[in-house]
């Protein structure tokens, strides 16, 4: 039975479809989308930048505004030290 069917199918002539049918059939199919090119950096890079900025902000708010360990008061200058300095300056100026 398959041989009979195959012989009947092979005896049929293939006729081309009319162009209007082709346009009508293809008109109902969704058109393939053209992929858009991305202008943004890769996501892993954006995530890295975000983490870096989050670390900077966290460190900024976790440190004190004025560090107490680096505060220095000027040394107290005694009257004797000022007199010695003045004498030294006078002796240096005398040589010029």
PDB file of N, CA and C in Angstrom:
ATOM      1  N   UNK A   1       0.808  -1.187   0.000  1.00  0.00           N
ATOM      2  CA  UNK A   1       0.000   0.000   0.000  1.00  0.00           C
ATOM      3  C   UNK A   1       0.855   1.257   0.000  1.00  0.00           C
ATOM      4  N   UNK A   2       1.958   1.227   0.681  1.00  0.00           N
ATOM      5  CA  UNK A   2       2.848   2.382   0.694  1.00  0.00           C
ATOM      6  C   UNK A   2       3.463   2.609  -0.682  1.00  0.00           C
ATOM      7  N   UNK A   3       3.739   1.525  -1.393  1.00  0.00           N
ATOM      8  CA  UNK A   3       4.319   1.671  -2.723  1.00  0.00           C
ATOM      9  C   UNK A   3       3.324   2.345  -3.658  1.00  0.00           C
ATOM     10  N   UNK A   4       2.066   2.005  -3.513  1.00  0.00           N
ATOM     11  CA  UNK A   4       1.029   2.602  -4.358  1.00  0.00           C
ATOM     12  C   UNK A   4       0.898   4.092  -4.075  1.00  0.00           C
ATOM     13  N   UNK A   5       0.914   4.477  -2.792  1.00  0.00           N
ATOM     14  CA  UNK A   5       0.809   5.878  -2.404  1.00  0.00           C
ATOM     15  C   UNK A   5       2.027   6.656  -2.888  1.00  0.00           C
ATOM     16  N   UNK A   6       3.175   6.076  -2.737  1.00  0.00           N
ATOM     17  CA  UNK A   6       4.397   6.745  -3.178  1.00  0.00           C
ATOM     18  C   UNK A   6       4.401   6.945  -4.684  1.00  0.00           C
ATOM     19  N   UNK A   7       3.926   5.989  -5.417  1.00  0.00           N
ATOM     20  CA  UNK A   7       3.887   6.129  -6.881  1.00  0.00           C
ATOM     21  C   UNK A   7       2.890   7.202  -7.285  1.00  0.00           C
ATOM     22  N   UNK A   8       1.756   7.303  -6.562  1.00  0.00           N
ATOM     23  CA  UNK A   8       0.790   8.361  -6.872  1.00  0.00           C
ATOM     24  C   UNK A   8       1.375   9.735  -6.543  1.00  0.00           C
ATOM     25  N   UNK A   9       2.077   9.852  -5.421  1.00  0.00           N
ATOM     26  CA  UNK A   9       2.675  11.138  -5.047  1.00  0.00           C
ATOM     27  C   UNK A   9       3.786  11.548  -6.006  1.00  0.00           C
ATOM     28  N   UNK A  10       4.554  10.590  -6.444  1.00  0.00           N
ATOM     29  CA  UNK A  10       5.632  10.929  -7.378  1.00  0.00           C
ATOM     30  C   UNK A  10       5.086  11.301  -8.746  1.00  0.00           C
ATOM     31  N   UNK A  11       3.882  10.858  -9.088  1.00  0.00           N
ATOM     32  CA  UNK A  11       3.283  11.192 -10.380  1.00  0.00           C
ATOM     33  C   UNK A  11       2.724  12.619 -10.374  1.00  0.00           C
ATOM     34  N   UNK A  12       2.471  13.168  -9.197  1.00  0.00           N
ATOM     35  CA  UNK A  12       1.939  14.531  -9.123  1.00  0.00           C
ATOM     36  C   UNK A  12       3.012  15.545  -9.483  1.00  0.00           C
ATOM     37  N   UNK A  13       2.604  16.564 -10.145  1.00  0.00           N
ATOM     38  CA  UNK A  13       3.526  17.637 -10.495  1.00  0.00           C
ATOM     39  C   UNK A  13       3.434  18.729  -9.427  1.00  0.00           C
ATOM     40  N   UNK A  14       4.570  19.273  -9.070  1.00  0.00           N
ATOM     41  CA  UNK A  14       4.626  20.341  -8.076  1.00  0.00           C
ATOM     42  C   UNK A  14       4.412  21.659  -8.799  1.00  0.00           C
ATOM     43  N   UNK A  15       3.384  22.357  -8.347  1.00  0.00           N
ATOM     44  CA  UNK A  15       3.111  23.665  -8.943  1.00  0.00           C
ATOM     45  C   UNK A  15       3.558  24.753  -7.970  1.00  0.00           C
ATOM     46  N   UNK A  16       4.161  25.806  -8.468  1.00  0.00           N
ATOM     47  CA  UNK A  16       4.585  26.887  -7.557  1.00  0.00           C
ATOM     48  C   UNK A  16       3.367  27.645  -7.035  1.00  0.00           C
ATOM     49  N   UNK A  17       3.503  28.137  -5.832  1.00  0.00           N
ATOM     50  CA  UNK A  17       2.437  28.941  -5.240  1.00  0.00           C
ATOM     51  C   UNK A  17       2.382  30.312  -5.896  1.00  0.00           C
ATOM     52  N   UNK A  18       1.209  30.874  -6.004  1.00  0.00           N
ATOM     53  CA  UNK A  18       1.122  32.237  -6.539  1.00  0.00           C
ATOM     54  C   UNK A  18       1.819  33.219  -5.588  1.00  0.00           C
ATOM     55  N   UNK A  19       2.453  34.238  -6.113  1.00  0.00           N
ATOM     56  CA  UNK A  19       3.190  35.198  -5.265  1.00  0.00           C
ATOM     57  C   UNK A  19       2.282  35.896  -4.248  1.00  0.00           C
ATOM     58  N   UNK A  20       1.002  36.106  -4.592  1.00  0.00           N
ATOM     59  CA  UNK A  20       0.100  36.762  -3.650  1.00  0.00           C
ATOM     60  C   UNK A  20      -0.092  35.904  -2.401  1.00  0.00           C
ATOM     61  N   UNK A  21      -0.183  34.592  -2.593  1.00  0.00           N
ATOM     62  CA  UNK A  21      -0.353  33.690  -1.462  1.00  0.00           C
ATOM     63  C   UNK A  21       0.881  33.753  -0.558  1.00  0.00           C
ATOM     64  N   UNK A  22       2.041  33.768  -1.199  1.00  0.00           N
ATOM     65  CA  UNK A  22       3.282  33.812  -0.424  1.00  0.00           C
ATOM     66  C   UNK A  22       3.341  35.082   0.422  1.00  0.00           C
ATOM     67  N   UNK A  23       3.005  36.221  -0.195  1.00  0.00           N
ATOM     68  CA  UNK A  23       3.035  37.492   0.535  1.00  0.00           C
ATOM     69  C   UNK A  23       2.011  37.492   1.659  1.00  0.00           C
ATOM     70  N   UNK A  24       0.826  36.890   1.391  1.00  0.00           N
ATOM     71  CA  UNK A  24      -0.218  36.859   2.413  1.00  0.00           C
ATOM     72  C   UNK A  24       0.194  35.959   3.582  1.00  0.00           C
ATOM     73  N   UNK A  25       0.779  34.809   3.287  1.00  0.00           N
ATOM     74  CA  UNK A  25       1.202  33.877   4.343  1.00  0.00           C
ATOM     75  C   UNK A  25       2.340  34.479   5.154  1.00  0.00           C
ATOM     76  N   UNK A  26       3.339  35.032   4.476  1.00  0.00           N
ATOM     77  CA  UNK A  26       4.480  35.606   5.185  1.00  0.00           C
ATOM     78  C   UNK A  26       4.123  36.895   5.913  1.00  0.00           C
ATOM     79  N   UNK A  27       3.058  37.580   5.481  1.00  0.00           N
ATOM     80  CA  UNK A  27       2.640  38.809   6.149  1.00  0.00           C
ATOM     81  C   UNK A  27       2.091  38.556   7.535  1.00  0.00           C
ATOM     82  N   UNK A  28       1.560  37.365   7.773  1.00  0.00           N
ATOM     83  CA  UNK A  28       1.006  37.039   9.089  1.00  0.00           C
ATOM     84  C   UNK A  28       2.078  36.585  10.082  1.00  0.00           C
ATOM     85  N   UNK A  29       3.252  36.251   9.612  1.00  0.00           N
ATOM     86  CA  UNK A  29       4.323  35.814  10.514  1.00  0.00           C
ATOM     87  C   UNK A  29       4.944  37.025  11.213  1.00  0.00           C
ATOM     88  N   UNK A  30       5.351  36.872  12.453  1.00  0.00           N
ATOM     89  CA  UNK A  30       6.037  37.990  13.116  1.00  0.00           C
ATOM     90  C   UNK A  30       7.399  38.229  12.472  1.00  0.00           C
ATOM     91  N   UNK A  31       7.736  39.476  12.332  1.00  0.00           N
ATOM     92  CA  UNK A  31       9.006  39.839  11.709  1.00  0.00           C
ATOM     93  C   UNK A  31      10.142  39.593  12.699  1.00  0.00           C
ATOM     94  N   UNK A  32      11.256  39.090  12.218  1.00  0.00           N
ATOM     95  CA  UNK A  32      12.383  38.870  13.135  1.00  0.00           C
ATOM     96  C   UNK A  32      12.913  40.213  13.631  1.00  0.00           C
ATOM     97  N   UNK A  33      13.201  40.243  14.934  1.00  0.00           N
ATOM     98  CA  UNK A  33      13.716  41.473  15.530  1.00  0.00           C
ATOM     99  C   UNK A  33      15.215  41.575  15.313  1.00  0.00           C
ATOM    100  N   UNK A  34      15.641  42.745  14.953  1.00  0.00           N
ATOM    101  CA  UNK A  34      17.069  43.007  14.794  1.00  0.00           C
ATOM    102  C   UNK A  34      17.608  43.347  16.180  1.00  0.00           C
ATOM    103  N   UNK A  35      18.624  42.635  16.651  1.00  0.00           N
ATOM    104  CA  UNK A  35      19.139  42.945  17.991  1.00  0.00           C
ATOM    105  C   UNK A  35      19.756  44.342  18.015  1.00  0.00           C
ATOM    106  N   UNK A  36      19.390  45.086  19.052  1.00  0.00           N
ATOM    107  CA  UNK A  36      19.922  46.432  19.203  1.00  0.00           C
ATOM    108  C   UNK A  36      21.301  46.357  19.845  1.00  0.00           C
ATOM    109  N   UNK A  37      22.181  47.223  19.418  1.00  0.00           N
ATOM    110  CA  UNK A  37      23.513  47.250  20.013  1.00  0.00           C
ATOM    111  C   UNK A  37      23.440  48.019  21.316  1.00  0.00           C
ATOM    112  N   UNK A  38      24.065  47.473  22.344  1.00  0.00           N
ATOM    113  CA  UNK A  38      24.068  48.118  23.655  1.00  0.00           C
ATOM    114  C   UNK A  38      25.195  49.135  23.720  1.00  0.00           C
ATOM    115  N   UNK A  39      24.881  50.263  24.279  1.00  0.00           N
ATOM    116  CA  UNK A  39      25.909  51.290  24.457  1.00  0.00           C
ATOM    117  C   UNK A  39      26.349  51.375  25.909  1.00  0.00           C
ATOM    118  N   UNK A  40      25.711  50.626  26.782  1.00  0.00           N
ATOM    119  CA  UNK A  40      26.057  50.639  28.200  1.00  0.00           C
ATOM    120  C   UNK A  40      27.198  49.657  28.465  1.00  0.00           C
ATOM    121  N   UNK A  41      27.975  49.891  29.506  1.00  0.00           N
ATOM    122  CA  UNK A  41      29.034  48.939  29.873  1.00  0.00           C
ATOM    123  C   UNK A  41      28.434  47.601  30.312  1.00  0.00           C
ATOM    124  N   UNK A  42      29.237  46.569  30.352  1.00  0.00           N
ATOM    125  CA  UNK A  42      28.728  45.264  30.789  1.00  0.00           C
ATOM    126  C   UNK A  42      28.193  45.326  32.219  1.00  0.00           C
ATOM    127  N   UNK A  43      27.279  44.419  32.516  1.00  0.00           N
ATOM    128  CA  UNK A  43      26.636  44.423  33.840  1.00  0.00           C
ATOM    129  C   UNK A  43      27.624  44.140  34.952  1.00  0.00           C
ATOM    130  N   UNK A  44      28.608  43.272  34.722  1.00  0.00           N
ATOM    131  CA  UNK A  44      29.566  42.949  35.778  1.00  0.00           C
ATOM    132  C   UNK A  44      30.398  44.176  36.127  1.00  0.00           C
ATOM    133  N   UNK A  45      30.676  45.008  35.120  1.00  0.00           N
ATOM    134  CA  UNK A  45      31.453  46.221  35.379  1.00  0.00           C
ATOM    135  C   UNK A  45      30.621  47.232  36.169  1.00  0.00           C
ATOM    136  N   UNK A  46      29.355  47.357  35.809  1.00  0.00           N
ATOM    137  CA  UNK A  46      28.475  48.258  36.545  1.00  0.00           C
ATOM    138  C   UNK A  46      28.313  47.795  37.996  1.00  0.00           C
ATOM    139  N   UNK A  47      28.212  46.480  38.210  1.00  0.00           N
ATOM    140  CA  UNK A  47      28.094  45.956  39.571  1.00  0.00           C
ATOM    141  C   UNK A  47      29.371  46.245  40.368  1.00  0.00           C
ATOM    142  N   UNK A  48      30.519  46.115  39.733  1.00  0.00           N
ATOM    143  CA  UNK A  48      31.786  46.421  40.395  1.00  0.00           C
ATOM    144  C   UNK A  48      31.885  47.880  40.791  1.00  0.00           C
ATOM    145  N   UNK A  49      31.480  48.762  39.885  1.00  0.00           N
ATOM    146  CA  UNK A  49      31.494  50.195  40.199  1.00  0.00           C
ATOM    147  C   UNK A  49      30.536  50.497  41.348  1.00  0.00           C
ATOM    148  N   UNK A  50      29.385  49.873  41.324  1.00  0.00           N
ATOM    149  CA  UNK A  50      28.414  50.093  42.395  1.00  0.00           C
ATOM    150  C   UNK A  50      28.949  49.652  43.742  1.00  0.00           C
ATOM    151  N   UNK A  51      29.604  48.489  43.774  1.00  0.00           N
ATOM    152  CA  UNK A  51      30.184  48.008  45.031  1.00  0.00           C
ATOM    153  C   UNK A  51      31.312  48.913  45.514  1.00  0.00           C
ATOM    154  N   UNK A  52      32.111  49.402  44.584  1.00  0.00           N
ATOM    155  CA  UNK A  52      33.209  50.297  44.966  1.00  0.00           C
ATOM    156  C   UNK A  52      32.664  51.591  45.565  1.00  0.00           C
ATOM    157  N   UNK A  53      31.629  52.167  44.936  1.00  0.00           N
ATOM    158  CA  UNK A  53      31.053  53.396  45.474  1.00  0.00           C
ATOM    159  C   UNK A  53      30.372  53.136  46.806  1.00  0.00           C
ATOM    160  N   UNK A  54      29.729  51.987  46.956  1.00  0.00           N
ATOM    161  CA  UNK A  54      29.102  51.659  48.237  1.00  0.00           C
ATOM    162  C   UNK A  54      30.158  51.565  49.337  1.00  0.00           C
ATOM    163  N   UNK A  55      31.324  50.996  49.015  1.00  0.00           N
ATOM    164  CA  UNK A  55      32.406  50.907  49.998  1.00  0.00           C
ATOM    165  C   UNK A  55      32.937  52.293  50.348  1.00  0.00           C
ATOM    166  N   UNK A  56      33.077  53.156  49.354  1.00  0.00           N
ATOM    167  CA  UNK A  56      33.560  54.517  49.609  1.00  0.00           C
ATOM    168  C   UNK A  56      32.585  55.265  50.513  1.00  0.00           C
ATOM    169  N   UNK A  57      31.300  55.145  50.236  1.00  0.00           N
ATOM    170  CA  UNK A  57      30.303  55.848  51.050  1.00  0.00           C
ATOM    171  C   UNK A  57      30.275  55.277  52.468  1.00  0.00           C
ATOM    172  N   UNK A  58      30.359  53.949  52.588  1.00  0.00           N
ATOM    173  CA  UNK A  58      30.354  53.328  53.915  1.00  0.00           C
ATOM    174  C   UNK A  58      31.568  53.776  54.728  1.00  0.00           C
ATOM    175  N   UNK A  59      32.737  53.824  54.092  1.00  0.00           N
ATOM    176  CA  UNK A  59      33.936  54.283  54.796  1.00  0.00           C
ATOM    177  C   UNK A  59      33.848  55.760  55.161  1.00  0.00           C
ATOM    178  N   UNK A  60      33.233  56.532  54.282  1.00  0.00           N
ATOM    179  CA  UNK A  60      33.096  57.971  54.558  1.00  0.00           C
ATOM    180  C   UNK A  60      32.250  58.210  55.807  1.00  0.00           C
ATOM    181  N   UNK A  61      31.133  57.488  55.918  1.00  0.00           N
ATOM    182  CA  UNK A  61      30.252  57.706  57.060  1.00  0.00           C
ATOM    183  C   UNK A  61      30.719  56.987  58.324  1.00  0.00           C
ATOM    184  N   UNK A  62      31.600  56.017  58.192  1.00  0.00           N
ATOM    185  CA  UNK A  62      32.045  55.293  59.381  1.00  0.00           C
ATOM    186  C   UNK A  62      33.273  55.929  60.032  1.00  0.00           C
ATOM    187  N   UNK A  63      33.967  56.820  59.349  1.00  0.00           N
ATOM    188  CA  UNK A  63      35.130  57.485  59.940  1.00  0.00           C
ATOM    189  C   UNK A  63      34.701  58.810  60.556  1.00  0.00           C
ATOM    190  N   UNK A  64      35.359  59.234  61.626  1.00  0.00           N
ATOM    191  CA  UNK A  64      34.981  60.517  62.247  1.00  0.00           C
ATOM    192  C   UNK A  64      35.381  61.686  61.354  1.00  0.00           C
ATOM    193  N   UNK A  65      34.700  62.805  61.570  1.00  0.00           N
ATOM    194  CA  UNK A  65      34.956  63.986  60.738  1.00  0.00           C
ATOM    195  C   UNK A  65      36.341  64.552  61.001  1.00  0.00           C
ATOM    196  N   UNK A  66      36.732  64.633  62.278  1.00  0.00           N
ATOM    197  CA  UNK A  66      38.067  65.109  62.625  1.00  0.00           C
ATOM    198  C   UNK A  66      38.761  64.017  63.420  1.00  0.00           C
ATOM    199  N   UNK A  67      39.834  63.509  62.914  1.00  0.00           N
ATOM    200  CA  UNK A  67      40.521  62.441  63.638  1.00  0.00           C
ATOM    201  C   UNK A  67      41.150  62.981  64.917  1.00  0.00           C
ATOM    202  N   UNK A  68      40.898  62.308  66.022  1.00  0.00           N
ATOM    203  CA  UNK A  68      41.408  62.765  67.315  1.00  0.00           C
ATOM    204  C   UNK A  68      42.865  62.386  67.530  1.00  0.00           C
ATOM    205  N   UNK A  69      43.313  61.356  66.862  1.00  0.00           N
ATOM    206  CA  UNK A  69      44.690  60.918  67.082  1.00  0.00           C
ATOM    207  C   UNK A  69      45.707  61.855  66.427  1.00  0.00           C
ATOM    208  N   UNK A  70      45.297  62.596  65.419  1.00  0.00           N
ATOM    209  CA  UNK A  70      46.228  63.472  64.716  1.00  0.00           C
ATOM    210  C   UNK A  70      46.185  64.911  65.218  1.00  0.00           C
ATOM    211  N   UNK A  71      45.321  65.193  66.192  1.00  0.00           N
ATOM    212  CA  UNK A  71      45.261  66.564  66.700  1.00  0.00           C
ATOM    213  C   UNK A  71      46.519  66.859  67.512  1.00  0.00           C
ATOM    214  N   UNK A  72      47.138  67.964  67.179  1.00  0.00           N
ATOM    215  CA  UNK A  72      48.358  68.346  67.894  1.00  0.00           C
ATOM    216  C   UNK A  72      48.220  69.779  68.349  1.00  0.00           C
ATOM    217  N   UNK A  73      48.612  69.995  69.557  1.00  0.00           N
ATOM    218  CA  UNK A  73      48.628  71.364  70.077  1.00  0.00           C
ATOM    219  C   UNK A  73      50.043  71.885  69.955  1.00  0.00           C
ATOM    220  N   UNK A  74      50.171  73.139  69.652  1.00  0.00           N
ATOM    221  CA  UNK A  74      51.532  73.670  69.525  1.00  0.00           C
ATOM    222  C   UNK A  74      52.238  73.625  70.886  1.00  0.00           C
ATOM    223  N   UNK A  75      53.525  73.356  70.882  1.00  0.00           N
ATOM    224  CA  UNK A  75      54.246  73.273  72.161  1.00  0.00           C
ATOM    225  C   UNK A  75      54.282  74.644  72.837  1.00  0.00           C
ATOM    226  N   UNK A  76      54.239  74.605  74.120  1.00  0.00           N
ATOM    227  CA  UNK A  76      54.305  75.862  74.878  1.00  0.00           C
ATOM    228  C   UNK A  76      55.731  76.385  74.816  1.00  0.00           C
ATOM    229  N   UNK A  77      55.862  77.637  74.432  1.00  0.00           N
ATOM    230  CA  UNK A  77      57.189  78.245  74.318  1.00  0.00           C
ATOM    231  C   UNK A  77      57.434  79.060  75.588  1.00  0.00           C
ATOM    232  N   UNK A  78      58.539  78.768  76.221  1.00  0.00           N
ATOM    233  CA  UNK A  78      58.861  79.496  77.456  1.00  0.00           C
ATOM    234  C   UNK A  78      59.529  80.819  77.122  1.00  0.00           C
ATOM    235  N   UNK A  79      59.584  81.674  78.098  1.00  0.00           N
ATOM    236  CA  UNK A  79      60.209  82.988  77.926  1.00  0.00           C
ATOM    237  C   UNK A  79      61.700  82.826  77.672  1.00  0.00           C
ATOM    238  N   UNK A  80      62.331  81.848  78.332  1.00  0.00           N
ATOM    239  CA  UNK A  80      63.763  81.613  78.124  1.00  0.00           C
ATOM    240  C   UNK A  80      64.050  81.211  76.690  1.00  0.00           C
ATOM    241  N   UNK A  81      63.188  80.386  76.112  1.00  0.00           N
ATOM    242  CA  UNK A  81      63.393  79.932  74.734  1.00  0.00           C
ATOM    243  C   UNK A  81      63.277  81.103  73.780  1.00  0.00           C
ATOM    244  N   UNK A  82      62.333  82.010  74.033  1.00  0.00           N
ATOM    245  CA  UNK A  82      62.191  83.182  73.172  1.00  0.00           C
ATOM    246  C   UNK A  82      63.401  84.107  73.285  1.00  0.00           C
ATOM    247  N   UNK A  83      63.960  84.260  74.485  1.00  0.00           N
ATOM    248  CA  UNK A  83      65.140  85.104  74.659  1.00  0.00           C
ATOM    249  C   UNK A  83      66.349  84.496  73.960  1.00  0.00           C
ATOM    250  N   UNK A  84      66.507  83.178  74.073  1.00  0.00           N
ATOM    251  CA  UNK A  84      67.623  82.505  73.404  1.00  0.00           C
ATOM    252  C   UNK A  84      67.490  82.649  71.884  1.00  0.00           C
ATOM    253  N   UNK A  85      66.277  82.566  71.397  1.00  0.00           N
ATOM    254  CA  UNK A  85      66.059  82.687  69.948  1.00  0.00           C
ATOM    255  C   UNK A  85      66.409  84.103  69.496  1.00  0.00           C
ATOM    256  N   UNK A  86      65.987  85.086  70.232  1.00  0.00           N
ATOM    257  CA  UNK A  86      66.282  86.473  69.872  1.00  0.00           C
ATOM    258  C   UNK A  86      67.788  86.723  69.876  1.00  0.00           C
ATOM    259  N   UNK A  87      68.510  86.193  70.883  1.00  0.00           N
ATOM    260  CA  UNK A  87      69.966  86.351  70.938  1.00  0.00           C
ATOM    261  C   UNK A  87      70.642  85.673  69.760  1.00  0.00           C
ATOM    262  N   UNK A  88      70.143  84.499  69.397  1.00  0.00           N
ATOM    263  CA  UNK A  88      70.701  83.765  68.252  1.00  0.00           C
ATOM    264  C   UNK A  88      70.489  84.537  66.957  1.00  0.00           C
ATOM    265  N   UNK A  89      69.311  85.123  66.797  1.00  0.00           N
ATOM    266  CA  UNK A  89      69.037  85.914  65.583  1.00  0.00           C
ATOM    267  C   UNK A  89      69.950  87.148  65.515  1.00  0.00           C
ATOM    268  N   UNK A  90      70.181  87.785  66.646  1.00  0.00           N
ATOM    269  CA  UNK A  90      71.052  88.958  66.672  1.00  0.00           C
ATOM    270  C   UNK A  90      72.475  88.585  66.335  1.00  0.00           C
ATOM    271  N   UNK A  91      72.924  87.443  66.837  1.00  0.00           N
ATOM    272  CA  UNK A  91      74.301  87.039  66.532  1.00  0.00           C
ATOM    273  C   UNK A  91      74.441  86.651  65.062  1.00  0.00           C
ATOM    274  N   UNK A  92      73.420  86.057  64.484  1.00  0.00           N
ATOM    275  CA  UNK A  92      73.469  85.712  63.054  1.00  0.00           C
ATOM    276  C   UNK A  92      73.465  86.967  62.198  1.00  0.00           C
ATOM    277  N   UNK A  93      72.671  87.940  62.593  1.00  0.00           N
ATOM    278  CA  UNK A  93      72.628  89.200  61.817  1.00  0.00           C
ATOM    279  C   UNK A  93      73.919  89.987  61.969  1.00  0.00           C
ATOM    280  N   UNK A  94      74.624  89.830  63.069  1.00  0.00           N
ATOM    281  CA  UNK A  94      75.878  90.562  63.282  1.00  0.00           C
ATOM    282  C   UNK A  94      76.951  90.083  62.317  1.00  0.00           C
ATOM    283  N   UNK A  95      76.900  88.808  61.912  1.00  0.00           N
ATOM    284  CA  UNK A  95      77.926  88.296  60.998  1.00  0.00           C
ATOM    285  C   UNK A  95      77.718  88.810  59.572  1.00  0.00           C
ATOM    286  N   UNK A  96      76.552  89.273  59.223  1.00  0.00           N
ATOM    287  CA  UNK A  96      76.307  89.771  57.853  1.00  0.00           C
ATOM    288  C   UNK A  96      76.700  91.184  57.801  1.00  0.00           C
TER     289      UNK A  96
END
